[in-house]
C-alpha atoms as a PDB file:
ATOM      1  CA  MET A   1      22.689  14.409   1.326  1.00  0.00           C
ATOM      2  CA  ALA A   2      25.198  17.013   0.471  1.00  0.00           C
ATOM      3  CA  ALA A   3      27.454  15.486   3.345  1.00  0.00           C
ATOM      4  CA  LEU A   4      26.904  12.074   2.099  1.00  0.00           C
ATOM      5  CA  LEU A   5      27.919  12.788  -1.497  1.00  0.00           C
ATOM      6  CA  ARG A   6      30.844  14.677  -0.916  1.00  0.00           C
ATOM      7  CA  GLU A   7      32.198  11.975   1.528  1.00  0.00           C
ATOM      8  CA  ARG A   8      31.270   8.863  -0.615  1.00  0.00           C
ATOM      9  CA  LEU A   9      31.659  10.044  -4.270  1.00  0.00           C
ATOM     10  CA  PRO A  10      35.255   9.909  -5.652  1.00  0.00           C
ATOM     11  CA  ALA A  11      37.557  12.714  -4.807  1.00  0.00           C
ATOM     12  CA  PRO A  12      38.234  13.844  -8.330  1.00  0.00           C
ATOM     13  CA  LEU A  13      34.541  14.248  -8.971  1.00  0.00           C
ATOM     14  CA  VAL A  14      33.956  16.022  -5.501  1.00  0.00           C
ATOM     15  CA  ALA A  15      36.374  18.665  -6.678  1.00  0.00           C
ATOM     16  CA  LEU A  16      34.403  19.548  -9.569  1.00  0.00           C
ATOM     17  CA  LEU A  17      31.132  20.214  -7.811  1.00  0.00           C
ATOM     18  CA  SER A  18      30.077  23.720  -6.997  1.00  0.00           C
ATOM     19  CA  ASP A  19      29.155  24.751  -3.383  1.00  0.00           C
ATOM     20  CA  GLU A  20      25.585  24.521  -4.027  1.00  0.00           C
ATOM     21  CA  PRO A  21      23.433  21.907  -2.201  1.00  0.00           C
ATOM     22  CA  PRO A  22      22.165  19.151  -4.313  1.00  0.00           C
ATOM     23  CA  GLU A  23      18.828  19.507  -5.884  1.00  0.00           C
ATOM     24  CA  LEU A  24      16.235  16.737  -5.232  1.00  0.00           C
ATOM     25  CA  VAL A  25      14.540  16.089  -8.541  1.00  0.00           C
ATOM     26  CA  ASP A  26      10.924  15.125  -8.713  1.00  0.00           C
ATOM     27  CA  GLY A  27      10.111  11.386  -9.356  1.00  0.00           C
ATOM     28  CA  VAL A  28      10.784   8.067  -8.342  1.00  0.00           C
ATOM     29  CA  PHE A  29      11.631   4.953 -10.947  1.00  0.00           C
ATOM     30  CA  VAL A  30      11.247   1.911  -8.541  1.00  0.00           C
ATOM     31  CA  ASP A  31       8.378  -0.036  -9.538  1.00  0.00           C
ATOM     32  CA  ASP A  32       5.535  -0.601  -6.811  1.00  0.00           C
ATOM     33  CA  ALA A  33       6.229  -4.210  -6.401  1.00  0.00           C
ATOM     34  CA  LEU A  34       9.689  -3.583  -5.213  1.00  0.00           C
ATOM     35  CA  LYS A  35       9.053  -0.605  -2.777  1.00  0.00           C
ATOM     36  CA  GLU A  36       9.533  -2.713   0.187  1.00  0.00           C
ATOM     37  CA  SER A  37      12.972  -4.000  -0.913  1.00  0.00           C
ATOM     38  CA  ARG A  38      14.356  -0.693  -2.256  1.00  0.00           C
ATOM     39  CA  SER A  39      13.787   3.074  -2.391  1.00  0.00           C
ATOM     40  CA  ASP A  40      15.402   5.707  -4.606  1.00  0.00           C
ATOM     41  CA  ARG A  41      15.943   9.507  -5.099  1.00  0.00           C
ATOM     42  CA  LEU A  42      17.386  11.450  -7.892  1.00  0.00           C
ATOM     43  CA  TYR A  43      19.595  14.506  -7.254  1.00  0.00           C
ATOM     44  CA  ARG A  44      20.991  17.195  -9.548  1.00  0.00           C
ATOM     45  CA  LEU A  45      24.273  18.653  -8.765  1.00  0.00           C
ATOM     46  CA  LYS A  46      25.756  21.856 -10.262  1.00  0.00           C
ATOM     47  CA  LEU A  47      29.405  21.709 -11.391  1.00  0.00           C
ATOM     48  CA  LYS A  48      31.847  24.405 -11.189  1.00  0.00           C
ATOM     49  CA  GLY A  49      31.614  26.687 -14.212  1.00  0.00           C
ATOM     50  CA  ALA A  50      28.729  25.206 -16.013  1.00  0.00           C
ATOM     51  CA  GLY A  51      26.815  21.856 -16.499  1.00  0.00           C
ATOM     52  CA  ALA A  52      25.299  19.439 -14.152  1.00  0.00           C
ATOM     53  CA  LEU A  53      25.701  15.945 -12.800  1.00  0.00           C
ATOM     54  CA  PHE A  54      22.790  13.766 -11.844  1.00  0.00           C
ATOM     55  CA  VAL A  55      23.199  11.327  -8.857  1.00  0.00           C
ATOM     56  CA  TYR A  56      20.633   8.495  -8.834  1.00  0.00           C
ATOM     57  CA  CYS A  57      20.700   7.198  -5.400  1.00  0.00           C
ATOM     58  CA  LEU A  58      19.250   3.661  -4.742  1.00  0.00           C
ATOM     59  CA  VAL A  59      18.906   2.246  -1.249  1.00  0.00           C
ATOM     60  CA  GLU A  60      18.799  -1.490  -0.878  1.00  0.00           C
ATOM     61  CA  HIS A  61      16.413  -2.694   1.959  1.00  0.00           C
ATOM     62  CA  LYS A  62      17.358  -6.408   1.555  1.00  0.00           C
ATOM     63  CA  SER A  63      19.398  -8.995   3.500  1.00  0.00           C
ATOM     64  CA  ALA A  64      21.385  -9.737   0.541  1.00  0.00           C
ATOM     65  CA  ALA A  65      22.631  -7.483  -2.386  1.00  0.00           C
ATOM     66  CA  GLU A  66      21.137  -7.791  -5.586  1.00  0.00           C
ATOM     67  CA  GLU A  67      24.013  -9.235  -7.901  1.00  0.00           C
ATOM     68  CA  ARG A  68      22.337  -7.876 -10.971  1.00  0.00           C
ATOM     69  CA  ALA A  69      21.545  -4.536  -9.541  1.00  0.00           C
ATOM     70  CA  GLY A  70      23.329  -2.876 -12.484  1.00  0.00           C
ATOM     71  CA  VAL A  71      20.278  -4.067 -14.731  1.00  0.00           C
ATOM     72  CA  GLN A  72      17.697  -2.386 -12.743  1.00  0.00           C
ATOM     73  CA  LEU A  73      20.100   0.701 -12.472  1.00  0.00           C
ATOM     74  CA  LEU A  74      20.276   0.977 -16.184  1.00  0.00           C
ATOM     75  CA  GLY A  75      16.538   0.779 -16.341  1.00  0.00           C
ATOM     76  CA  TYR A  76      16.075   3.674 -14.018  1.00  0.00           C
ATOM     77  CA  MET A  77      18.730   5.794 -15.825  1.00  0.00           C
ATOM     78  CA  VAL A  78      17.091   5.117 -19.100  1.00  0.00           C
ATOM     79  CA  ARG A  79      13.791   6.318 -17.689  1.00  0.00           C
ATOM     80  CA  GLN A  80      15.325   9.631 -16.511  1.00  0.00           C
ATOM     81  CA  TRP A  81      16.792  10.322 -19.930  1.00  0.00           C
ATOM     82  CA  GLU A  82      13.436   9.664 -21.592  1.00  0.00           C
ATOM     83  CA  ARG A  83      11.734  12.013 -19.262  1.00  0.00           C
ATOM     84  CA  ALA A  84      14.306  14.837 -19.344  1.00  0.00           C
ATOM     85  CA  GLU A  85      13.590  17.941 -21.003  1.00  0.00           C
ATOM     86  CA  GLY A  86      15.453  19.290 -23.957  1.00  0.00           C
ATOM     87  CA  GLY A  87      15.708  18.349 -27.645  1.00  0.00           C
ATOM     88  CA  VAL A  88      16.700  14.986 -29.065  1.00  0.00           C
ATOM     89  CA  SER A  89      19.866  16.618 -30.506  1.00  0.00           C
ATOM     90  CA  GLU A  90      21.066  17.599 -27.043  1.00  0.00           C
ATOM     91  CA  PRO A  91      23.497  15.280 -25.165  1.00  0.00           C
ATOM     92  CA  LEU A  92      22.176  13.224 -22.377  1.00  0.00           C
ATOM     93  CA  ALA A  93      22.980  14.523 -19.008  1.00  0.00           C
ATOM     94  CA  PRO A  94      25.353  12.318 -17.037  1.00  0.00           C
ATOM     95  CA  ILE A  95      24.026  10.121 -14.222  1.00  0.00           C
ATOM     96  CA  LEU A  96      26.133   8.688 -11.656  1.00  0.00           C
ATOM     97  CA  PRO A  97      24.328   5.795 -10.007  1.00  0.00           C
ATOM     98  CA  LEU A  98      25.095   5.397  -6.147  1.00  0.00           C
ATOM     99  CA  VAL A  99      23.891   2.354  -4.281  1.00  0.00           C
ATOM    100  CA  ILE A 100      23.442   2.191  -0.452  1.00  0.00           C
ATOM    101  CA  TYR A 101      23.618  -1.333   0.770  1.00  0.00           C
ATOM    102  CA  HIS A 102      22.983  -2.223   4.429  1.00  0.00           C
ATOM    103  CA  GLY A 103      22.613  -6.131   4.427  1.00  0.00           C
ATOM    104  CA  PRO A 104      24.453  -8.282   7.073  1.00  0.00           C
ATOM    105  CA  THR A 105      26.713 -10.017   4.319  1.00  0.00           C
ATOM    106  CA  PRO A 106      29.060  -8.189   2.186  1.00  0.00           C
ATOM    107  CA  SER A 107      27.769  -7.231  -1.505  1.00  0.00           C
ATOM    108  CA  LYS A 108      28.686  -9.368  -4.251  1.00  0.00           C
ATOM    109  CA  ALA A 109      27.127  -6.933  -6.949  1.00  0.00           C
ATOM    110  CA  SER A 110      29.471  -5.963  -9.666  1.00  0.00           C
ATOM    111  CA  ARG A 111      30.478  -2.263  -9.651  1.00  0.00           C
ATOM    112  CA  TYR A 112      30.696  -2.282 -13.521  1.00  0.00           C
ATOM    113  CA  PHE A 113      27.829  -3.085 -15.870  1.00  0.00           C
ATOM    114  CA  SER A 114      30.190  -4.845 -18.152  1.00  0.00           C
ATOM    115  CA  GLY A 115      30.806  -7.389 -15.427  1.00  0.00           C
ATOM    116  CA  LEU A 116      27.308  -8.739 -15.757  1.00  0.00           C
ATOM    117  CA  VAL A 117      27.900  -9.481 -19.590  1.00  0.00           C
ATOM    118  CA  ALA A 118      29.165 -12.802 -20.585  1.00  0.00           C
ATOM    119  CA  PRO A 119      33.025 -12.830 -21.018  1.00  0.00           C
ATOM    120  CA  HIS A 120      32.954 -14.446 -24.640  1.00  0.00           C
ATOM    121  CA  ALA A 121      31.223 -10.991 -25.810  1.00  0.00           C
ATOM    122  CA  ALA A 122      34.900  -9.741 -26.311  1.00  0.00           C
ATOM    123  CA  LYS A 123      35.856 -12.681 -28.577  1.00  0.00           C
ATOM    124  CA  LEU A 124      32.849 -11.764 -30.694  1.00  0.00           C
ATOM    125  CA  GLY A 125      34.118  -8.149 -31.045  1.00  0.00           C
ATOM    126  CA  VAL A 126      31.190  -7.067 -29.042  1.00  0.00           C
ATOM    127  CA  LYS A 127      31.695  -3.715 -26.930  1.00  0.00           C
ATOM    128  CA  PRO A 128      28.937  -4.108 -24.272  1.00  0.00           C
ATOM    129  CA  LEU A 129      27.544  -0.865 -22.593  1.00  0.00           C
ATOM    130  CA  ASP A 130      29.412  -0.120 -19.385  1.00  0.00           C
ATOM    131  CA  PHE A 131      29.111   2.212 -16.470  1.00  0.00           C
ATOM    132  CA  GLU A 132      30.279   2.184 -12.975  1.00  0.00           C
ATOM    133  CA  MET A 133      28.263   2.535  -9.912  1.00  0.00           C
ATOM    134  CA  VAL A 134      29.416   3.910  -6.406  1.00  0.00           C
ATOM    135  CA  LEU A 135      28.768   1.325  -3.837  1.00  0.00           C
ATOM    136  CA  VAL A 136      28.407   2.195  -0.233  1.00  0.00           C
ATOM    137  CA  ASP A 137      28.267  -1.005   1.950  1.00  0.00           C
ATOM    138  CA  LEU A 138      27.489   0.214   5.418  1.00  0.00           C
ATOM    139  CA  GLY A 139      28.685  -2.885   6.919  1.00  0.00           C
ATOM    140  CA  ALA A 140      32.021  -2.464   5.723  1.00  0.00           C
ATOM    141  CA  ILE A 141      32.359   0.783   7.279  1.00  0.00           C
ATOM    142  CA  ASP A 142      33.277   1.378  10.783  1.00  0.00           C
ATOM    143  CA  ASP A 143      30.277   3.201  12.820  1.00  0.00           C
ATOM    144  CA  ASP A 144      32.275   6.027  13.546  1.00  0.00           C
ATOM    145  CA  GLU A 145      33.268   6.589   9.988  1.00  0.00           C
ATOM    146  CA  LEU A 146      29.833   6.452   8.327  1.00  0.00           C
ATOM    147  CA  SER A 147      29.838  10.279   8.418  1.00  0.00           C
ATOM    148  CA  SER A 148      31.455  13.412  10.078  1.00  0.00           C
ATOM    149  CA  GLU A 149      28.003  14.839  10.138  1.00  0.00           C
ATOM    150  CA  PRO A 150      25.604  14.218  12.752  1.00  0.00           C
ATOM    151  CA  THR A 151      22.288  13.574  10.708  1.00  0.00           C
ATOM    152  CA  PRO A 152      23.645  11.352   7.995  1.00  0.00           C
ATOM    153  CA  ARG A 153      25.730   9.388  10.682  1.00  0.00           C
ATOM    154  CA  ALA A 154      22.535   8.996  12.683  1.00  0.00           C
ATOM    155  CA  GLY A 155      20.448   7.871   9.664  1.00  0.00           C
ATOM    156  CA  LEU A 156      23.097   5.485   8.389  1.00  0.00           C
ATOM    157  CA  LEU A 157      23.560   3.939  11.766  1.00  0.00           C
ATOM    158  CA  ALA A 158      19.897   3.198  11.963  1.00  0.00           C
ATOM    159  CA  LEU A 159      20.145   1.758   8.535  1.00  0.00           C
ATOM    160  CA  LYS A 160      23.096  -0.338   9.187  1.00  0.00           C
ATOM    161  CA  TYR A 161      21.690  -2.322  12.107  1.00  0.00           C
ATOM    162  CA  ALA A 162      18.147  -2.785  10.849  1.00  0.00           C
ATOM    163  CA  THR A 163      19.619  -6.079   8.950  1.00  0.00           C
ATOM    164  CA  ARG A 164      21.856  -7.116  11.796  1.00  0.00           C
ATOM    165  CA  GLU A 165      19.275  -8.451  14.315  1.00  0.00           C
ATOM    166  CA  ALA A 166      21.968 -10.186  16.473  1.00  0.00           C
ATOM    167  CA  LEU A 167      23.534  -6.912  17.209  1.00  0.00           C
ATOM    168  CA  GLN A 168      20.626  -4.648  17.731  1.00  0.00           C
ATOM    169  CA  ARG A 169      20.255  -5.037  21.485  1.00  0.00           C
ATOM    170  CA  ALA A 170      23.899  -4.220  21.842  1.00  0.00           C
ATOM    171  CA  ARG A 171      23.964  -1.272  19.571  1.00  0.00           C
ATOM    172  CA  LEU A 172      20.425   0.207  20.211  1.00  0.00           C
ATOM    173  CA  GLY A 173      21.929   2.836  22.713  1.00  0.00           C
ATOM    174  CA  LYS A 174      24.614   3.966  20.320  1.00  0.00           C
ATOM    175  CA  VAL A 175      21.969   4.458  17.462  1.00  0.00           C
ATOM    176  CA  LEU A 176      19.637   6.267  19.761  1.00  0.00           C
ATOM    177  CA  THR A 177      22.344   8.595  21.162  1.00  0.00           C
ATOM    178  CA  ALA A 178      23.193   9.545  17.573  1.00  0.00           C
ATOM    179  CA  LEU A 179      19.595  10.116  16.735  1.00  0.00           C
ATOM    180  CA  ALA A 180      19.262  12.388  19.783  1.00  0.00           C
ATOM    181  CA  SER A 181      21.880  14.688  17.832  1.00  0.00           C
ATOM    182  CA  ALA A 182      19.848  14.470  14.773  1.00  0.00           C
ATOM    183  CA  PRO A 183      16.217  15.909  15.778  1.00  0.00           C
ATOM    184  CA  GLY A 184      15.141  16.506  12.058  1.00  0.00           C
ATOM    185  CA  ILE A 185      15.129  12.592  11.445  1.00  0.00           C
ATOM    186  CA  LEU A 186      14.119  11.443  14.915  1.00  0.00           C
ATOM    187  CA  ARG A 187      10.678  10.781  14.320  1.00  0.00           C
ATOM    188  CA  VAL A 188      10.914   8.929  11.016  1.00  0.00           C
ATOM    189  CA  ALA A 189      13.995   7.020  12.374  1.00  0.00           C
ATOM    190  CA  LEU A 190      12.155   5.661  15.351  1.00  0.00           C
ATOM    191  CA  VAL A 191       9.165   4.636  13.119  1.00  0.00           C
ATOM    192  CA  TYR A 192      11.564   2.876  10.926  1.00  0.00           C
ATOM    193  CA  MET A 193      13.311   1.102  13.753  1.00  0.00           C
ATOM    194  CA  MET A 194      10.055  -0.083  15.113  1.00  0.00           C
ATOM    195  CA  GLU A 195       9.080  -1.675  12.024  1.00  0.00           C
ATOM    196  CA  THR A 196      12.574  -3.227  11.092  1.00  0.00           C
ATOM    197  CA  TYR A 197      14.401  -3.923  14.471  1.00  0.00           C
ATOM    198  CA  ARG A 198      13.250  -7.463  15.314  1.00  0.00           C
ATOM    199  CA  GLY A 199      16.049  -7.838  17.993  1.00  0.00           C
ATOM    200  CA  VAL A 200      14.373  -5.461  20.317  1.00  0.00           C
ATOM    201  CA  ASN A 201      10.401  -5.059  21.226  1.00  0.00           C
ATOM    202  CA  ARG A 202       8.952  -1.551  21.093  1.00  0.00           C
ATOM    203  CA  ALA A 203       9.036  -1.327  24.811  1.00  0.00           C
ATOM    204  CA  GLN A 204      12.696  -1.888  25.047  1.00  0.00           C
ATOM    205  CA  LEU A 205      13.368   0.685  22.319  1.00  0.00           C
ATOM    206  CA  LEU A 206      11.184   3.378  23.800  1.00  0.00           C
ATOM    207  CA  GLY A 207      12.730   2.765  27.180  1.00  0.00           C
ATOM    208  CA  GLU A 208      16.258   3.034  26.029  1.00  0.00           C
ATOM    209  CA  ALA A 209      15.169   6.056  24.029  1.00  0.00           C
ATOM    210  CA  ARG A 210      13.961   7.721  27.403  1.00  0.00           C
ATOM    211  CA  ARG A 211      17.530   7.125  28.655  1.00  0.00           C
ATOM    212  CA  VAL A 212      19.334   8.961  26.057  1.00  0.00           C
ATOM    213  CA  MET A 213      16.663  11.604  24.764  1.00  0.00           C
ATOM    214  CA  PRO A 214      14.562  14.179  26.313  1.00  0.00           C
ATOM    215  CA  GLU A 215      11.340  12.414  27.822  1.00  0.00           C
ATOM    216  CA  GLU A 216       9.357  14.980  26.092  1.00  0.00           C
ATOM    217  CA  ASP A 217      10.697  14.116  22.533  1.00  0.00           C
ATOM    218  CA  VAL A 218      10.119  10.352  22.965  1.00  0.00           C
ATOM    219  CA  MET A 219       6.668  10.795  24.607  1.00  0.00           C
ATOM    220  CA  THR A 220       5.670  13.095  21.581  1.00  0.00           C
ATOM    221  CA  VAL A 221       6.870  10.560  19.222  1.00  0.00           C
ATOM    222  CA  ALA A 222       4.991   7.710  21.002  1.00  0.00           C
ATOM    223  CA  GLN A 223       1.829   9.689  20.942  1.00  0.00           C
ATOM    224  CA  GLU A 224       2.057  10.476  17.354  1.00  0.00           C
ATOM    225  CA  LEU A 225       2.625   6.801  16.637  1.00  0.00           C
ATOM    226  CA  ARG A 226      -0.403   5.751  18.596  1.00  0.00           C
ATOM    227  CA  ASP A 227      -2.695   8.344  16.948  1.00  0.00           C
ATOM    228  CA  GLU A 228      -1.502   6.938  13.589  1.00  0.00           C
ATOM    229  CA  GLY A 229      -2.002   3.338  14.681  1.00  0.00           C
ATOM    230  CA  ARG A 230       1.673   2.464  14.400  1.00  0.00           C
ATOM    231  CA  VAL A 231       2.085   1.370  18.037  1.00  0.00           C
ATOM    232  CA  GLU A 232      -0.701  -0.505  20.264  1.00  0.00           C
ATOM    233  CA  GLY A 233      -2.855   2.366  21.274  1.00  0.00           C
ATOM    234  CA  GLU A 234      -6.529   3.125  22.188  1.00  0.00           C
ATOM    235  CA  ALA A 235      -9.121   0.873  21.143  1.00  0.00           C
ATOM    236  CA  LYS A 236     -11.500   2.415  18.635  1.00  0.00           C
ATOM    237  CA  GLY A 237     -13.629   5.240  20.059  1.00  0.00           C
ATOM    238  CA  GLU A 238     -11.641   5.218  23.353  1.00  0.00           C
ATOM    239  CA  ALA A 239     -11.077   8.749  24.811  1.00  0.00           C
ATOM    240  CA  LYS A 240      -7.537   9.842  24.559  1.00  0.00           C
ATOM    241  CA  GLY A 241      -7.511  11.681  27.792  1.00  0.00           C
ATOM    242  CA  ARG A 242      -8.687   8.722  29.628  1.00  0.00           C
ATOM    243  CA  VAL A 243      -5.869   6.505  28.578  1.00  0.00           C
ATOM    244  CA  GLU A 244      -3.365   8.934  29.336  1.00  0.00           C
ATOM    245  CA  GLY A 245      -4.814   9.209  32.900  1.00  0.00           C
ATOM    246  CA  GLN A 246      -4.649   5.568  33.183  1.00  0.00           C
ATOM    247  CA  ARG A 247      -0.923   5.613  32.103  1.00  0.00           C
ATOM    248  CA  SER A 248      -0.248   8.316  34.561  1.00  0.00           C
ATOM    249  CA  THR A 249      -2.099   6.809  37.333  1.00  0.00           C
ATOM    250  CA  LEU A 250      -0.258   3.413  36.823  1.00  0.00           C
ATOM    251  CA  LEU A 251       3.274   4.926  36.825  1.00  0.00           C
ATOM    252  CA  ARG A 252       2.402   7.053  40.006  1.00  0.00           C
ATOM    253  CA  VAL A 253       0.986   3.686  41.773  1.00  0.00           C
ATOM    254  CA  LEU A 254       4.273   1.786  40.424  1.00  0.00           C
ATOM    255  CA  GLY A 255       6.621   4.404  41.756  1.00  0.00           C
ATOM    256  CA  ARG A 256       4.658   4.541  45.245  1.00  0.00           C
ATOM    257  CA  ARG A 257       4.755   0.886  45.604  1.00  0.00           C
ATOM    258  CA  PHE A 258       8.048  -0.353  44.111  1.00  0.00           C
ATOM    259  CA  GLY A 259      10.302   2.768  44.052  1.00  0.00           C
ATOM    260  CA  SER A 260      11.699   3.709  40.708  1.00  0.00           C
ATOM    261  CA  VAL A 261      10.208   2.296  37.732  1.00  0.00           C
ATOM    262  CA  PRO A 262      12.723   0.406  35.326  1.00  0.00           C
ATOM    263  CA  ASP A 263      12.825   1.791  31.668  1.00  0.00           C
ATOM    264  CA  ASP A 264      11.543  -1.184  30.108  1.00  0.00           C
ATOM    265  CA  VAL A 265       8.532  -1.299  32.156  1.00  0.00           C
ATOM    266  CA  ARG A 266       7.689   2.405  31.497  1.00  0.00           C
ATOM    267  CA  GLY A 267       8.271   1.757  28.047  1.00  0.00           C
ATOM    268  CA  ARG A 268       5.433  -1.035  28.063  1.00  0.00           C
ATOM    269  CA  VAL A 269       3.214   1.511  29.972  1.00  0.00           C
ATOM    270  CA  ILE A 270       3.847   4.073  27.521  1.00  0.00           C
ATOM    271  CA  VAL A 271       2.507   1.951  24.503  1.00  0.00           C
ATOM    272  CA  ALA A 272      -0.186   0.023  26.158  1.00  0.00           C
ATOM    273  CA  ALA A 273      -3.742   0.097  25.470  1.00  0.00           C
ATOM    274  CA  SER A 274      -6.652   0.831  27.877  1.00  0.00           C
ATOM    275  CA  ALA A 275      -7.493  -2.677  28.814  1.00  0.00           C
ATOM    276  CA  GLU A 276      -3.925  -3.766  29.498  1.00  0.00           C
ATOM    277  CA  LEU A 277      -3.331  -0.599  31.601  1.00  0.00           C
ATOM    278  CA  GLU A 278      -6.499  -1.446  33.720  1.00  0.00           C
ATOM    279  CA  GLY A 279      -5.300  -5.073  34.275  1.00  0.00           C
ATOM    280  CA  TRP A 280      -1.881  -3.854  35.377  1.00  0.00           C
ATOM    281  CA  LEU A 281      -3.280  -1.278  37.677  1.00  0.00           C
ATOM    282  CA  ASP A 282      -5.552  -3.887  39.406  1.00  0.00           C
ATOM    283  CA  LEU A 283      -2.457  -6.113  40.021  1.00  0.00           C
ATOM    284  CA  ALA A 284      -0.283  -3.350  41.195  1.00  0.00           C
ATOM    285  CA  LEU A 285      -2.549  -2.557  44.064  1.00  0.00           C
ATOM    286  CA  ASP A 286      -1.861  -5.699  45.731  1.00  0.00           C
ATOM    287  CA  ALA A 287       1.301  -7.214  44.032  1.00  0.00           C
ATOM    288  CA  ALA A 288       4.310  -7.765  46.257  1.00  0.00           C
ATOM    289  CA  THR A 289       6.707  -7.306  43.436  1.00  0.00           C
ATOM    290  CA  LEU A 290       7.019  -5.735  39.870  1.00  0.00           C
ATOM    291  CA  ASP A 291       7.358  -9.383  38.540  1.00  0.00           C
ATOM    292  CA  ALA A 292       3.896 -10.136  39.939  1.00  0.00           C
ATOM    293  CA  VAL A 293       2.428  -7.495  37.764  1.00  0.00           C
ATOM    294  CA  PHE A 294       4.522  -7.672  34.400  1.00  0.00           C
ATOM    295  CA  GLY A 295       5.724 -11.293  34.641  1.00  0.00           C
ATOM    296  CA  PRO A 296       9.494 -12.311  35.314  1.00  0.00           C
ATOM    297  CA  ALA A 297      12.405 -10.998  33.428  1.00  0.00           C
ATOM    298  CA  THR A 298      10.740  -7.735  32.346  1.00  0.00           C
ATOM    299  CA  HIS A 299      13.434  -5.369  33.515  1.00  0.00           C
END
């Protein structure tokens, strides 16, 4: 987050920040009904000398940006001011809203709150409340320019292509290669990609992950996901060791019968349940080709 803020906040503001990392403030403000479409974090940044700045970071998980995002932002900022410690006579701490948007179309949201107010307000002598939000539209940023740091770059890449289904297959290797350099977010990123990347199936994703990452890391993640029910796994009550034995046996038979096992086939085996593994093993014993076991166009 420190890298993201220093790279995306206005340069004059960054020059005022201390060298201390941003402090994550407890509490979120997005309503439960909106959790699937947006998530938020609040950070406290110390300034050089004295004082602090709060940065409210909102991530939009939608295919189209909310044109009235400023209204929701104002509500979240007010909630923070209401819950802040300090006497009523003390000035409110400044809050800078930062919106990260990764939809497939350019954002149409106004960066200024006043842009949402009817223009005839000025003729009436009304001076509307105004603030500016920092909008980071990932689609408008080249992949290599998302961040100079490995971890935020990998995370932003995964976010960027979550809503670009037509490009997911072509960019999958690039995203996973970036994640290989960011082990701290590897697991959560793979879970996120499995749930949001509709342009590739889970077997393809895990197969490509094995190509660019250490197999041990991928297998560990796959096993954790199976244990949590995030990937097709063992039937209820099924012995974990038995299923792992089935996978190992099937891969060994495939290797002996057909030579090297393609990544997409190996990926399907890694996430398959016991009954499916047993069926494939029966077919593999007599099949003349891999297609006869897994169906055509699987690798």
